[in-house]
Amino acid sequence: MGIEKKTLGVTKTHKLGKIAGKSYYVTLPIEFIRHLDWKDGQKVDITLKGKELVIKDWKK
């Protein structure tokens, strides 16, 4: 499934949510998830680089 060219490179703004006072979450746009071919329950790596978060597919 491909991502529409008009969506590629477009920044989407979402709010942070809080879970049980200890963790935060952010929802990701479905078209991004489909483009990356990610599935529900899939493991991802989250890295802090300066003031940015990088989310990548988890590799063994």
C-alpha atoms as a PDB file:
ATOM      1  CA  MET A   1       0.000   0.000   0.000  1.00  0.00           C
ATOM      2  CA  GLY A   2       1.571   3.327  -1.019  1.00  0.00           C
ATOM      3  CA  ILE A   3       1.337   6.678   0.655  1.00  0.00           C
ATOM      4  CA  GLU A   4      -0.153   9.498  -1.369  1.00  0.00           C
ATOM      5  CA  LYS A   5       2.518  11.878  -2.686  1.00  0.00           C
ATOM      6  CA  LYS A   6       0.627  14.848  -1.229  1.00  0.00           C
ATOM      7  CA  THR A   7       0.988  13.297   2.262  1.00  0.00           C
ATOM      8  CA  LEU A   8       4.664  12.326   1.970  1.00  0.00           C
ATOM      9  CA  GLY A   9       6.802  14.860   3.816  1.00  0.00           C
ATOM     10  CA  VAL A  10       3.777  16.572   5.354  1.00  0.00           C
ATOM     11  CA  THR A  11       4.054  17.265   9.077  1.00  0.00           C
ATOM     12  CA  LYS A  12       1.050  16.205  11.151  1.00  0.00           C
ATOM     13  CA  THR A  13       0.445  17.753  14.571  1.00  0.00           C
ATOM     14  CA  HIS A  14      -0.840  15.535  17.389  1.00  0.00           C
ATOM     15  CA  LYS A  15      -1.243  16.004  21.144  1.00  0.00           C
ATOM     16  CA  LEU A  16       0.588  14.044  23.811  1.00  0.00           C
ATOM     17  CA  GLY A  17      -1.537  11.992  26.201  1.00  0.00           C
ATOM     18  CA  LYS A  18      -0.607  10.769  29.656  1.00  0.00           C
ATOM     19  CA  ILE A  19      -0.999   7.207  30.973  1.00  0.00           C
ATOM     20  CA  ALA A  20      -1.138   6.575  34.741  1.00  0.00           C
ATOM     21  CA  GLY A  21       1.088   9.562  35.500  1.00  0.00           C
ATOM     22  CA  LYS A  22       4.296   7.812  34.391  1.00  0.00           C
ATOM     23  CA  SER A  23       4.235   7.500  30.592  1.00  0.00           C
ATOM     24  CA  TYR A  24       3.118   9.539  27.613  1.00  0.00           C
ATOM     25  CA  TYR A  25       1.720   8.484  24.250  1.00  0.00           C
ATOM     26  CA  VAL A  26       1.158  10.052  20.853  1.00  0.00           C
ATOM     27  CA  THR A  27      -0.992   8.622  18.085  1.00  0.00           C
ATOM     28  CA  LEU A  28       0.574   8.166  14.664  1.00  0.00           C
ATOM     29  CA  PRO A  29      -1.260   8.870  11.393  1.00  0.00           C
ATOM     30  CA  ILE A  30      -2.577   5.658   9.835  1.00  0.00           C
ATOM     31  CA  GLU A  31      -1.203   6.575   6.400  1.00  0.00           C
ATOM     32  CA  PHE A  32       2.322   6.725   7.877  1.00  0.00           C
ATOM     33  CA  ILE A  33       1.906   3.302   9.512  1.00  0.00           C
ATOM     34  CA  ARG A  34       0.551   1.788   6.300  1.00  0.00           C
ATOM     35  CA  HIS A  35       3.379   3.305   4.250  1.00  0.00           C
ATOM     36  CA  LEU A  36       5.943   1.741   6.611  1.00  0.00           C
ATOM     37  CA  ASP A  37       3.986  -1.552   6.568  1.00  0.00           C
ATOM     38  CA  TRP A  38       3.970  -1.635  10.386  1.00  0.00           C
ATOM     39  CA  LYS A  39       1.535  -3.896  12.225  1.00  0.00           C
ATOM     40  CA  ASP A  40      -0.309  -3.738  15.551  1.00  0.00           C
ATOM     41  CA  GLY A  41       1.952  -4.925  18.371  1.00  0.00           C
ATOM     42  CA  GLN A  42       5.133  -4.462  16.333  1.00  0.00           C
ATOM     43  CA  LYS A  43       8.290  -3.524  18.260  1.00  0.00           C
ATOM     44  CA  VAL A  44       9.932  -0.177  17.468  1.00  0.00           C
ATOM     45  CA  ASP A  45      13.112   1.542  18.628  1.00  0.00           C
ATOM     46  CA  ILE A  46      12.757   5.077  19.978  1.00  0.00           C
ATOM     47  CA  THR A  47      15.907   7.204  20.138  1.00  0.00           C
ATOM     48  CA  LEU A  48      16.382  10.703  21.536  1.00  0.00           C
ATOM     49  CA  LYS A  49      18.631  12.762  19.229  1.00  0.00           C
ATOM     50  CA  GLY A  50      19.037  16.271  20.595  1.00  0.00           C
ATOM     51  CA  LYS A  51      15.509  17.683  20.723  1.00  0.00           C
ATOM     52  CA  GLU A  52      14.008  15.082  18.356  1.00  0.00           C
ATOM     53  CA  LEU A  53      12.616  11.571  18.768  1.00  0.00           C
ATOM     54  CA  VAL A  54      13.407   9.029  16.074  1.00  0.00           C
ATOM     55  CA  ILE A  55      11.073   6.008  15.782  1.00  0.00           C
ATOM     56  CA  LYS A  56      12.374   3.082  13.712  1.00  0.00           C
ATOM     57  CA  ASP A  57      11.433  -0.524  13.120  1.00  0.00           C
ATOM     58  CA  TRP A  58      13.067  -2.747  15.755  1.00  0.00           C
ATOM     59  CA  LYS A  59      15.827  -4.974  14.439  1.00  0.00           C
ATOM     60  CA  LYS A  60      17.259  -7.928  16.388  1.00  0.00           C
END
